[in-house]
Amino acid sequence: MGLATNGTASDKPLKFLIYGRTGWIGGLLGKLCESQGIPYAYATGRLEDRASLLNDLSSASPTHVFNAAGVTGRPNVDWCESHKVETIRTNVVGTLTLADVCRDRGLVLINYATGCIFEYDDSHPLGSGVGFKESDTPNFTGSFYSKTKAMVEELLKNYENVCTLRVRMPISSDLSNPRNFITKITRYDKVVDIPNSMTILDELLPISIEMAKRNLTGIYNFTNPGVVSHNEILQMYKEYIDPGFTWKNFNLEEQAKVIVAPRSNNELDTDKLKKEFPELLPIKESLIKYVFKPNQKTAAA
C-alpha cells in the first residue's frame, strides 16, 4: 500500500491508533479525539513486540498511528542511566519496530520525540535567538535518554512515513500533573534560570492531529516560538496562581551535584512549523493564554 502524498489529506474516514494510553500525552490525545469526534483506539501491544503491533493494526484498521509511548524514567531521566537496556528496548528498538510495521501498511506514524538532543553552542549561543533547525545534527549527549532519542531520530529519517515531533519541557493547563514542567519546577528546592524552548500541549497537541490529517512527515521542532526562562515562568506563576510563592536559584555547577545526568538547554527554530501553522503563538503568549489565565479563575474561586 502506498503512502498518501505528504501534505495532502486522505478521503478515507479518520481513525487513529494511539500508543501510550497510560502516559500523559497519550491520555490527552484520547480526550482530544473525543472532543473532535475522531474515532480512535488505544493500542495494547508492546512496542518491541512486532507480532503484537501487527495484531493492533489488524484489530484497529487505523488511518494514522500516534506514538506517545516510550521511556522517560521515573521520577526523571536519571532512571535511564541505570536502566540502559530497558531504555534502548523501548525508545530505539520499539520505536523503529512501530515505524517499520506502519510503513509496511502504508500508514503515517506521528512520533512524539524530544528536542532535548541539543545544547547551546558557539553557533547557537544562549540569548542569541538563533535556534537549532530540523536539519541540524544533535550535539547533546549528556544523558543516556537523550542519546537514545538522537539515535532513533537519525534512523527514522530513512522512513518516509514518519512525522517526528521534537517536544521540549512540555507544559499543560493541568497544574496538578507531576509531569507538567511548571508543576515540576514549583516543587524543586532550587531551580536553574536558563531560557529554553518549550511545548504548550494545549496549543500544540491539536496541531499534531491536524498534521496527521495533512499526512505531514519528516522532522518538526514541536515547540512554541521563542524561549522562556525558569524564573519568568515562576514569576507568572506567582502573579497568576500563588502571590505568596517564592523560589531559589542555583547554577549549573550546583545543579550537577544533585542530578545524575546533565540536562539539555537550547532554543529550537520553529520557522518550519510556523510556515505550516502561522497562528502558532510565541511561548510567553501561549503560557498566559492556555495555562495561567485559565488557572487564575480556579485560583481566585
C-alpha atoms as a PDB file:
ATOM      1  CA  MET A   1       0.000   0.000   0.000  1.00  0.00           C
ATOM      2  CA  GLY A   2       1.455   3.387  -0.998  1.00  0.00           C
ATOM      3  CA  LEU A   3       1.619   6.347   1.312  1.00  0.00           C
ATOM      4  CA  ALA A   4      -0.528   9.402   0.685  1.00  0.00           C
ATOM      5  CA  THR A   5       1.381  12.372  -0.714  1.00  0.00           C
ATOM      6  CA  ASN A   6       2.972  14.453   2.017  1.00  0.00           C
ATOM      7  CA  GLY A   7       0.738  17.375   2.927  1.00  0.00           C
ATOM      8  CA  THR A   8      -2.428  16.064   1.301  1.00  0.00           C
ATOM      9  CA  ALA A   9      -5.480  14.838   3.159  1.00  0.00           C
ATOM     10  CA  SER A  10      -6.880  11.370   2.594  1.00  0.00           C
ATOM     11  CA  ASP A  11     -10.531  10.789   1.654  1.00  0.00           C
ATOM     12  CA  LYS A  12     -10.787   7.776   3.965  1.00  0.00           C
ATOM     13  CA  PRO A  13     -12.671   8.419   7.250  1.00  0.00           C
ATOM     14  CA  LEU A  14     -10.189   9.042  10.038  1.00  0.00           C
ATOM     15  CA  LYS A  15      -9.375   6.500  12.699  1.00  0.00           C
ATOM     16  CA  PHE A  16      -6.393   6.908  14.998  1.00  0.00           C
ATOM     17  CA  LEU A  17      -4.449   4.214  16.825  1.00  0.00           C
ATOM     18  CA  ILE A  18      -2.635   5.616  19.875  1.00  0.00           C
ATOM     19  CA  TYR A  19       0.305   4.087  21.719  1.00  0.00           C
ATOM     20  CA  GLY A  20       0.804   5.380  25.247  1.00  0.00           C
ATOM     21  CA  ARG A  21      -2.600   5.003  26.888  1.00  0.00           C
ATOM     22  CA  THR A  22      -1.213   5.345  30.418  1.00  0.00           C
ATOM     23  CA  GLY A  23       1.079   8.242  29.522  1.00  0.00           C
ATOM     24  CA  TRP A  24       0.393  11.953  29.817  1.00  0.00           C
ATOM     25  CA  ILE A  25       0.401  12.825  26.111  1.00  0.00           C
ATOM     26  CA  GLY A  26      -1.375   9.598  25.155  1.00  0.00           C
ATOM     27  CA  GLY A  27      -4.173  10.336  27.615  1.00  0.00           C
ATOM     28  CA  LEU A  28      -4.571  13.893  26.346  1.00  0.00           C
ATOM     29  CA  LEU A  29      -4.696  12.649  22.740  1.00  0.00           C
ATOM     30  CA  GLY A  30      -7.636  10.381  23.525  1.00  0.00           C
ATOM     31  CA  LYS A  31      -9.518  13.278  25.095  1.00  0.00           C
ATOM     32  CA  LEU A  32      -8.802  15.449  22.052  1.00  0.00           C
ATOM     33  CA  CYS A  33     -10.098  12.763  19.708  1.00  0.00           C
ATOM     34  CA  GLU A  34     -13.290  12.518  21.757  1.00  0.00           C
ATOM     35  CA  SER A  35     -13.789  16.298  21.723  1.00  0.00           C
ATOM     36  CA  GLN A  36     -13.265  16.405  17.949  1.00  0.00           C
ATOM     37  CA  GLY A  37     -15.374  13.336  17.232  1.00  0.00           C
ATOM     38  CA  ILE A  38     -12.457  11.375  15.763  1.00  0.00           C
ATOM     39  CA  PRO A  39     -12.744   7.591  16.172  1.00  0.00           C
ATOM     40  CA  TYR A  40      -9.683   6.193  17.941  1.00  0.00           C
ATOM     41  CA  ALA A  41      -8.399   3.162  19.788  1.00  0.00           C
ATOM     42  CA  TYR A  42      -5.617   2.657  22.276  1.00  0.00           C
ATOM     43  CA  ALA A  43      -3.080   0.025  21.316  1.00  0.00           C
ATOM     44  CA  THR A  44      -2.415  -2.884  23.641  1.00  0.00           C
ATOM     45  CA  GLY A  45       0.781  -4.247  22.080  1.00  0.00           C
ATOM     46  CA  ARG A  46       4.299  -3.610  23.351  1.00  0.00           C
ATOM     47  CA  LEU A  47       6.456  -1.548  21.017  1.00  0.00           C
ATOM     48  CA  GLU A  48       9.313  -4.046  20.887  1.00  0.00           C
ATOM     49  CA  ASP A  49       6.943  -6.959  20.116  1.00  0.00           C
ATOM     50  CA  ARG A  50       6.361  -6.905  16.351  1.00  0.00           C
ATOM     51  CA  ALA A  51       3.645  -9.542  16.403  1.00  0.00           C
ATOM     52  CA  SER A  52       1.614  -7.564  18.950  1.00  0.00           C
ATOM     53  CA  LEU A  53       1.942  -4.414  16.828  1.00  0.00           C
ATOM     54  CA  LEU A  54       0.693  -6.244  13.763  1.00  0.00           C
ATOM     55  CA  ASN A  55      -2.235  -7.514  15.812  1.00  0.00           C
ATOM     56  CA  ASP A  56      -3.022  -3.932  16.928  1.00  0.00           C
ATOM     57  CA  LEU A  57      -3.052  -2.697  13.324  1.00  0.00           C
ATOM     58  CA  SER A  58      -5.252  -5.578  12.162  1.00  0.00           C
ATOM     59  CA  SER A  59      -7.715  -5.066  15.013  1.00  0.00           C
ATOM     60  CA  ALA A  60      -7.994  -1.288  14.770  1.00  0.00           C
ATOM     61  CA  SER A  61      -7.564  -0.712  10.999  1.00  0.00           C
ATOM     62  CA  PRO A  62      -6.372   2.854  11.621  1.00  0.00           C
ATOM     63  CA  THR A  63      -5.709   5.577   9.068  1.00  0.00           C
ATOM     64  CA  HIS A  64      -2.922   7.035  11.238  1.00  0.00           C
ATOM     65  CA  VAL A  65      -0.819   5.876  14.176  1.00  0.00           C
ATOM     66  CA  PHE A  66       0.394   8.062  17.061  1.00  0.00           C
ATOM     67  CA  ASN A  67       3.297   7.013  19.244  1.00  0.00           C
ATOM     68  CA  ALA A  68       3.220   8.674  22.650  1.00  0.00           C
ATOM     69  CA  ALA A  69       4.805   5.666  24.356  1.00  0.00           C
ATOM     70  CA  GLY A  70       8.394   5.481  25.483  1.00  0.00           C
ATOM     71  CA  VAL A  71      10.704   5.509  28.450  1.00  0.00           C
ATOM     72  CA  THR A  72      11.438   8.863  30.054  1.00  0.00           C
ATOM     73  CA  GLY A  73      12.188   7.474  33.500  1.00  0.00           C
ATOM     74  CA  ARG A  74      10.535   7.983  36.855  1.00  0.00           C
ATOM     75  CA  PRO A  75      10.821  10.336  38.568  1.00  0.00           C
ATOM     76  CA  ASN A  76      13.083  11.728  35.811  1.00  0.00           C
ATOM     77  CA  VAL A  77      15.577  10.824  33.076  1.00  0.00           C
ATOM     78  CA  ASP A  78      18.232   9.883  35.643  1.00  0.00           C
ATOM     79  CA  TRP A  79      16.427   6.498  35.797  1.00  0.00           C
ATOM     80  CA  CYS A  80      17.642   5.759  32.266  1.00  0.00           C
ATOM     81  CA  GLU A  81      21.289   5.961  33.364  1.00  0.00           C
ATOM     82  CA  SER A  82      20.874   2.771  35.413  1.00  0.00           C
ATOM     83  CA  HIS A  83      18.336   1.076  33.103  1.00  0.00           C
ATOM     84  CA  LYS A  84      20.070   1.344  29.730  1.00  0.00           C
ATOM     85  CA  VAL A  85      18.846  -1.871  28.158  1.00  0.00           C
ATOM     86  CA  GLU A  86      15.215  -1.153  29.093  1.00  0.00           C
ATOM     87  CA  THR A  87      15.610   2.347  27.645  1.00  0.00           C
ATOM     88  CA  ILE A  88      17.051   1.020  24.363  1.00  0.00           C
ATOM     89  CA  ARG A  89      14.390  -1.679  24.127  1.00  0.00           C
ATOM     90  CA  THR A  90      11.532   0.818  24.147  1.00  0.00           C
ATOM     91  CA  ASN A  91      12.989   4.068  22.804  1.00  0.00           C
ATOM     92  CA  VAL A  92      15.072   2.589  19.980  1.00  0.00           C
ATOM     93  CA  VAL A  93      14.029  -0.979  19.165  1.00  0.00           C
ATOM     94  CA  GLY A  94      10.350  -0.370  19.929  1.00  0.00           C
ATOM     95  CA  THR A  95      10.015   2.908  18.050  1.00  0.00           C
ATOM     96  CA  LEU A  96      11.805   1.515  14.995  1.00  0.00           C
ATOM     97  CA  THR A  97       9.634  -1.612  15.020  1.00  0.00           C
ATOM     98  CA  LEU A  98       6.474   0.502  15.094  1.00  0.00           C
ATOM     99  CA  ALA A  99       7.743   2.715  12.258  1.00  0.00           C
ATOM    100  CA  ASP A 100       8.553  -0.409  10.254  1.00  0.00           C
ATOM    101  CA  VAL A 101       5.166  -2.108  10.630  1.00  0.00           C
ATOM    102  CA  CYS A 102       3.401   1.186   9.850  1.00  0.00           C
ATOM    103  CA  ARG A 103       5.481   1.580   6.701  1.00  0.00           C
ATOM    104  CA  ASP A 104       4.556  -1.937   5.596  1.00  0.00           C
ATOM    105  CA  ARG A 105       0.883  -0.962   5.966  1.00  0.00           C
ATOM    106  CA  GLY A 106       1.287   2.415   4.229  1.00  0.00           C
ATOM    107  CA  LEU A 107       0.470   4.317   7.434  1.00  0.00           C
ATOM    108  CA  VAL A 108       1.784   7.670   8.617  1.00  0.00           C
ATOM    109  CA  LEU A 109       3.254   7.465  12.124  1.00  0.00           C
ATOM    110  CA  ILE A 110       3.165  10.621  14.244  1.00  0.00           C
ATOM    111  CA  ASN A 111       6.027  10.088  16.680  1.00  0.00           C
ATOM    112  CA  TYR A 112       6.351  12.339  19.737  1.00  0.00           C
ATOM    113  CA  ALA A 113      10.088  12.681  20.144  1.00  0.00           C
ATOM    114  CA  THR A 114      12.256  15.142  22.066  1.00  0.00           C
ATOM    115  CA  GLY A 115      14.148  18.340  21.351  1.00  0.00           C
ATOM    116  CA  CYS A 116      16.420  17.612  24.325  1.00  0.00           C
ATOM    117  CA  ILE A 117      19.146  16.468  21.933  1.00  0.00           C
ATOM    118  CA  PHE A 118      20.766  19.888  21.580  1.00  0.00           C
ATOM    119  CA  GLU A 119      22.597  22.318  23.842  1.00  0.00           C
ATOM    120  CA  TYR A 120      23.617  25.914  23.327  1.00  0.00           C
ATOM    121  CA  ASP A 121      26.944  26.181  21.467  1.00  0.00           C
ATOM    122  CA  ASP A 122      29.107  28.719  19.642  1.00  0.00           C
ATOM    123  CA  SER A 123      26.813  28.676  16.595  1.00  0.00           C
ATOM    124  CA  HIS A 124      23.656  28.839  18.731  1.00  0.00           C
ATOM    125  CA  PRO A 125      24.618  30.953  21.768  1.00  0.00           C
ATOM    126  CA  LEU A 126      22.277  31.423  24.700  1.00  0.00           C
ATOM    127  CA  GLY A 127      20.281  34.630  24.237  1.00  0.00           C
ATOM    128  CA  SER A 128      21.114  34.974  20.531  1.00  0.00           C
ATOM    129  CA  GLY A 129      17.711  33.981  19.158  1.00  0.00           C
ATOM    130  CA  VAL A 130      19.478  31.563  16.805  1.00  0.00           C
ATOM    131  CA  GLY A 131      17.703  28.237  17.182  1.00  0.00           C
ATOM    132  CA  PHE A 132      18.606  24.732  16.104  1.00  0.00           C
ATOM    133  CA  LYS A 133      16.890  23.732  12.873  1.00  0.00           C
ATOM    134  CA  GLU A 134      15.351  20.384  11.971  1.00  0.00           C
ATOM    135  CA  SER A 135      18.369  19.632   9.761  1.00  0.00           C
ATOM    136  CA  ASP A 136      20.972  20.249  12.484  1.00  0.00           C
ATOM    137  CA  THR A 137      22.911  17.330  13.945  1.00  0.00           C
ATOM    138  CA  PRO A 138      22.211  16.712  17.651  1.00  0.00           C
ATOM    139  CA  ASN A 139      25.073  17.904  19.858  1.00  0.00           C
ATOM    140  CA  PHE A 140      23.874  16.931  23.351  1.00  0.00           C
ATOM    141  CA  THR A 141      24.941  13.547  24.667  1.00  0.00           C
ATOM    142  CA  GLY A 142      24.936  14.335  28.384  1.00  0.00           C
ATOM    143  CA  SER A 143      22.159  11.877  29.280  1.00  0.00           C
ATOM    144  CA  PHE A 144      21.587   8.316  28.092  1.00  0.00           C
ATOM    145  CA  TYR A 145      17.926   9.192  27.469  1.00  0.00           C
ATOM    146  CA  SER A 146      18.939  11.933  25.013  1.00  0.00           C
ATOM    147  CA  LYS A 147      21.493   9.639  23.363  1.00  0.00           C
ATOM    148  CA  THR A 148      18.802   7.059  22.577  1.00  0.00           C
ATOM    149  CA  LYS A 149      16.450   9.727  21.274  1.00  0.00           C
ATOM    150  CA  ALA A 150      19.100  11.204  18.952  1.00  0.00           C
ATOM    151  CA  MET A 151      19.983   7.689  17.783  1.00  0.00           C
ATOM    152  CA  VAL A 152      16.432   6.742  16.871  1.00  0.00           C
ATOM    153  CA  GLU A 153      15.712  10.118  15.238  1.00  0.00           C
ATOM    154  CA  GLU A 154      18.658   9.605  12.883  1.00  0.00           C
ATOM    155  CA  LEU A 155      17.451   6.131  11.928  1.00  0.00           C
ATOM    156  CA  LEU A 156      13.845   7.290  11.473  1.00  0.00           C
ATOM    157  CA  LYS A 157      14.972   9.751   8.784  1.00  0.00           C
ATOM    158  CA  ASN A 158      15.056   6.722   6.497  1.00  0.00           C
ATOM    159  CA  TYR A 159      11.338   6.080   6.994  1.00  0.00           C
ATOM    160  CA  GLU A 160       9.323   8.293   4.652  1.00  0.00           C
ATOM    161  CA  ASN A 161       6.126   7.545   6.608  1.00  0.00           C
ATOM    162  CA  VAL A 162       7.235   9.070   9.937  1.00  0.00           C
ATOM    163  CA  CYS A 163       6.495  12.529  11.294  1.00  0.00           C
ATOM    164  CA  THR A 164       8.930  13.217  14.159  1.00  0.00           C
ATOM    165  CA  LEU A 165       7.783  15.916  16.572  1.00  0.00           C
ATOM    166  CA  ARG A 166      10.505  17.298  18.849  1.00  0.00           C
ATOM    167  CA  VAL A 167       8.739  18.110  22.123  1.00  0.00           C
ATOM    168  CA  ARG A 168      10.573  20.075  24.858  1.00  0.00           C
ATOM    169  CA  MET A 169       9.801  20.616  28.542  1.00  0.00           C
ATOM    170  CA  PRO A 170       6.059  20.021  27.978  1.00  0.00           C
ATOM    171  CA  ILE A 171       3.558  22.209  29.794  1.00  0.00           C
ATOM    172  CA  SER A 172      -0.221  21.929  30.058  1.00  0.00           C
ATOM    173  CA  SER A 173      -3.033  23.785  31.794  1.00  0.00           C
ATOM    174  CA  ASP A 174      -3.301  20.905  34.277  1.00  0.00           C
ATOM    175  CA  LEU A 175      -1.045  22.190  37.037  1.00  0.00           C
ATOM    176  CA  SER A 176      -1.765  19.134  39.180  1.00  0.00           C
ATOM    177  CA  ASN A 177       0.038  16.792  36.780  1.00  0.00           C
ATOM    178  CA  PRO A 178       3.502  15.882  38.104  1.00  0.00           C
ATOM    179  CA  ARG A 179       4.866  15.577  34.527  1.00  0.00           C
ATOM    180  CA  ASN A 180       3.980  19.213  33.805  1.00  0.00           C
ATOM    181  CA  PHE A 181       7.203  21.248  33.614  1.00  0.00           C
ATOM    182  CA  ILE A 182       5.646  24.086  35.625  1.00  0.00           C
ATOM    183  CA  THR A 183       4.489  21.690  38.336  1.00  0.00           C
ATOM    184  CA  LYS A 184       7.968  20.165  38.468  1.00  0.00           C
ATOM    185  CA  ILE A 185       9.857  23.416  38.932  1.00  0.00           C
ATOM    186  CA  THR A 186       7.413  24.781  41.535  1.00  0.00           C
ATOM    187  CA  ARG A 187       8.236  21.714  43.657  1.00  0.00           C
ATOM    188  CA  TYR A 188      12.016  21.877  43.343  1.00  0.00           C
ATOM    189  CA  ASP A 189      14.060  23.194  46.247  1.00  0.00           C
ATOM    190  CA  LYS A 190      16.094  25.237  43.769  1.00  0.00           C
ATOM    191  CA  VAL A 191      15.957  25.876  40.016  1.00  0.00           C
ATOM    192  CA  VAL A 192      18.424  26.979  37.384  1.00  0.00           C
ATOM    193  CA  ASP A 193      17.378  30.034  35.391  1.00  0.00           C
ATOM    194  CA  ILE A 194      18.029  29.338  31.720  1.00  0.00           C
ATOM    195  CA  PRO A 195      15.908  30.357  28.696  1.00  0.00           C
ATOM    196  CA  ASN A 196      14.589  27.317  26.800  1.00  0.00           C
ATOM    197  CA  SER A 197      12.216  26.339  24.032  1.00  0.00           C
ATOM    198  CA  MET A 198       9.136  24.637  25.460  1.00  0.00           C
ATOM    199  CA  THR A 199       5.939  22.945  24.271  1.00  0.00           C
ATOM    200  CA  ILE A 200       2.488  24.152  25.384  1.00  0.00           C
ATOM    201  CA  LEU A 201       0.473  20.965  24.892  1.00  0.00           C
ATOM    202  CA  ASP A 202      -2.927  22.698  24.963  1.00  0.00           C
ATOM    203  CA  GLU A 203      -1.941  24.549  21.784  1.00  0.00           C
ATOM    204  CA  LEU A 204       0.344  22.051  20.079  1.00  0.00           C
ATOM    205  CA  LEU A 205      -1.361  18.673  20.546  1.00  0.00           C
ATOM    206  CA  PRO A 206      -4.371  19.748  18.417  1.00  0.00           C
ATOM    207  CA  ILE A 207      -1.824  20.838  15.790  1.00  0.00           C
ATOM    208  CA  SER A 208      -0.352  17.315  15.775  1.00  0.00           C
ATOM    209  CA  ILE A 209      -3.808  15.959  14.940  1.00  0.00           C
ATOM    210  CA  GLU A 210      -4.029  18.425  12.080  1.00  0.00           C
ATOM    211  CA  MET A 211      -0.571  17.318  10.914  1.00  0.00           C
ATOM    212  CA  ALA A 212      -1.855  13.745  10.749  1.00  0.00           C
ATOM    213  CA  LYS A 213      -4.846  14.884   8.699  1.00  0.00           C
ATOM    214  CA  ARG A 214      -2.418  16.571   6.280  1.00  0.00           C
ATOM    215  CA  ASN A 215      -0.186  13.465   6.209  1.00  0.00           C
ATOM    216  CA  LEU A 216       2.865  15.548   7.068  1.00  0.00           C
ATOM    217  CA  THR A 217       6.107  13.633   7.500  1.00  0.00           C
ATOM    218  CA  GLY A 218       9.699  14.488   8.362  1.00  0.00           C
ATOM    219  CA  ILE A 219      11.107  16.243  11.436  1.00  0.00           C
ATOM    220  CA  TYR A 220       9.451  19.255  13.094  1.00  0.00           C
ATOM    221  CA  ASN A 221      10.633  21.275  16.050  1.00  0.00           C
ATOM    222  CA  PHE A 222       7.423  20.965  18.054  1.00  0.00           C
ATOM    223  CA  THR A 223       7.725  23.926  20.403  1.00  0.00           C
ATOM    224  CA  ASN A 224       6.254  27.399  20.634  1.00  0.00           C
ATOM    225  CA  PRO A 225       8.367  30.128  19.027  1.00  0.00           C
ATOM    226  CA  GLY A 226      10.941  31.835  21.236  1.00  0.00           C
ATOM    227  CA  VAL A 227      12.252  30.944  24.675  1.00  0.00           C
ATOM    228  CA  VAL A 228      11.223  31.447  28.281  1.00  0.00           C
ATOM    229  CA  SER A 229      13.340  31.098  31.407  1.00  0.00           C
ATOM    230  CA  HIS A 230      12.534  29.237  34.605  1.00  0.00           C
ATOM    231  CA  ASN A 231      12.359  32.487  36.569  1.00  0.00           C
ATOM    232  CA  GLU A 232       9.985  34.066  34.050  1.00  0.00           C
ATOM    233  CA  ILE A 233       7.634  31.088  34.379  1.00  0.00           C
ATOM    234  CA  LEU A 234       7.793  31.151  38.169  1.00  0.00           C
ATOM    235  CA  GLN A 235       7.144  34.904  38.184  1.00  0.00           C
ATOM    236  CA  MET A 236       3.991  34.290  36.083  1.00  0.00           C
ATOM    237  CA  TYR A 237       3.022  31.519  38.490  1.00  0.00           C
ATOM    238  CA  LYS A 238       3.389  33.952  41.379  1.00  0.00           C
ATOM    239  CA  GLU A 239       1.331  36.640  39.595  1.00  0.00           C
ATOM    240  CA  TYR A 240      -1.496  34.424  38.355  1.00  0.00           C
ATOM    241  CA  ILE A 241      -1.662  31.469  40.742  1.00  0.00           C
ATOM    242  CA  ASP A 242       0.042  31.974  44.103  1.00  0.00           C
ATOM    243  CA  PRO A 243       1.029  35.508  45.215  1.00  0.00           C
ATOM    244  CA  GLY A 244       2.944  34.066  48.172  1.00  0.00           C
ATOM    245  CA  PHE A 245       5.087  31.734  46.067  1.00  0.00           C
ATOM    246  CA  THR A 246       8.871  32.031  46.411  1.00  0.00           C
ATOM    247  CA  TRP A 247      11.781  30.146  44.887  1.00  0.00           C
ATOM    248  CA  LYS A 248      15.547  29.903  44.975  1.00  0.00           C
ATOM    249  CA  ASN A 249      18.036  29.667  42.130  1.00  0.00           C
ATOM    250  CA  PHE A 250      21.275  27.793  41.775  1.00  0.00           C
ATOM    251  CA  ASN A 251      23.781  27.495  38.924  1.00  0.00           C
ATOM    252  CA  LEU A 252      24.580  24.553  36.645  1.00  0.00           C
ATOM    253  CA  GLU A 253      27.576  23.515  38.759  1.00  0.00           C
ATOM    254  CA  GLU A 254      25.394  23.360  41.875  1.00  0.00           C
ATOM    255  CA  GLN A 255      22.650  21.530  39.959  1.00  0.00           C
ATOM    256  CA  ALA A 256      25.154  18.924  38.765  1.00  0.00           C
ATOM    257  CA  LYS A 257      25.670  17.827  42.371  1.00  0.00           C
ATOM    258  CA  VAL A 258      22.020  16.762  42.787  1.00  0.00           C
ATOM    259  CA  ILE A 259      21.341  15.083  39.407  1.00  0.00           C
ATOM    260  CA  VAL A 260      22.937  12.024  37.813  1.00  0.00           C
ATOM    261  CA  ALA A 261      22.904  13.162  34.175  1.00  0.00           C
ATOM    262  CA  PRO A 262      23.243  16.705  32.775  1.00  0.00           C
ATOM    263  CA  ARG A 263      20.139  18.335  31.288  1.00  0.00           C
ATOM    264  CA  SER A 264      19.745  19.858  27.834  1.00  0.00           C
ATOM    265  CA  ASN A 265      19.208  23.614  27.422  1.00  0.00           C
ATOM    266  CA  ASN A 266      18.517  25.024  23.969  1.00  0.00           C
ATOM    267  CA  GLU A 267      16.421  27.091  21.600  1.00  0.00           C
ATOM    268  CA  LEU A 268      14.759  25.355  18.652  1.00  0.00           C
ATOM    269  CA  ASP A 269      13.974  27.173  15.413  1.00  0.00           C
ATOM    270  CA  THR A 270      10.226  26.955  14.690  1.00  0.00           C
ATOM    271  CA  ASP A 271      10.119  28.505  11.201  1.00  0.00           C
ATOM    272  CA  LYS A 272       9.186  25.183   9.574  1.00  0.00           C
ATOM    273  CA  LEU A 273       6.251  24.604  11.931  1.00  0.00           C
ATOM    274  CA  LYS A 274       5.118  28.239  11.688  1.00  0.00           C
ATOM    275  CA  LYS A 275       5.116  28.053   7.907  1.00  0.00           C
ATOM    276  CA  GLU A 276       2.566  25.240   8.180  1.00  0.00           C
ATOM    277  CA  PHE A 277       0.701  26.794  11.160  1.00  0.00           C
ATOM    278  CA  PRO A 278       1.179  30.590  11.073  1.00  0.00           C
ATOM    279  CA  GLU A 279      -1.228  31.098  14.006  1.00  0.00           C
ATOM    280  CA  LEU A 280       1.178  29.415  16.459  1.00  0.00           C
ATOM    281  CA  LEU A 281       1.683  31.707  19.472  1.00  0.00           C
ATOM    282  CA  PRO A 282       5.068  32.739  20.929  1.00  0.00           C
ATOM    283  CA  ILE A 283       5.859  30.825  24.107  1.00  0.00           C
ATOM    284  CA  LYS A 284       5.102  33.584  26.630  1.00  0.00           C
ATOM    285  CA  GLU A 285       1.773  34.476  24.981  1.00  0.00           C
ATOM    286  CA  SER A 286       0.804  30.806  24.829  1.00  0.00           C
ATOM    287  CA  LEU A 287       1.665  30.338  28.519  1.00  0.00           C
ATOM    288  CA  ILE A 288      -0.634  33.175  29.529  1.00  0.00           C
ATOM    289  CA  LYS A 289      -3.491  32.208  27.194  1.00  0.00           C
ATOM    290  CA  TYR A 290      -3.540  28.438  27.708  1.00  0.00           C
ATOM    291  CA  VAL A 291      -2.075  27.920  31.173  1.00  0.00           C
ATOM    292  CA  PHE A 292      -2.071  30.881  33.521  1.00  0.00           C
ATOM    293  CA  LYS A 293      -5.279  32.760  32.674  1.00  0.00           C
ATOM    294  CA  PRO A 294      -7.488  29.614  32.782  1.00  0.00           C
ATOM    295  CA  ASN A 295      -5.972  28.627  36.134  1.00  0.00           C
ATOM    296  CA  GLN A 296      -6.259  32.146  37.539  1.00  0.00           C
ATOM    297  CA  LYS A 297     -10.055  31.769  37.744  1.00  0.00           C
ATOM    298  CA  THR A 298      -9.687  28.496  39.611  1.00  0.00           C
ATOM    299  CA  ALA A 299      -7.169  30.010  41.995  1.00  0.00           C
ATOM    300  CA  ALA A 300      -9.397  33.005  42.696  1.00  0.00           C
ATOM    301  CA  ALA A 301     -12.546  30.932  43.184  1.00  0.00           C
END
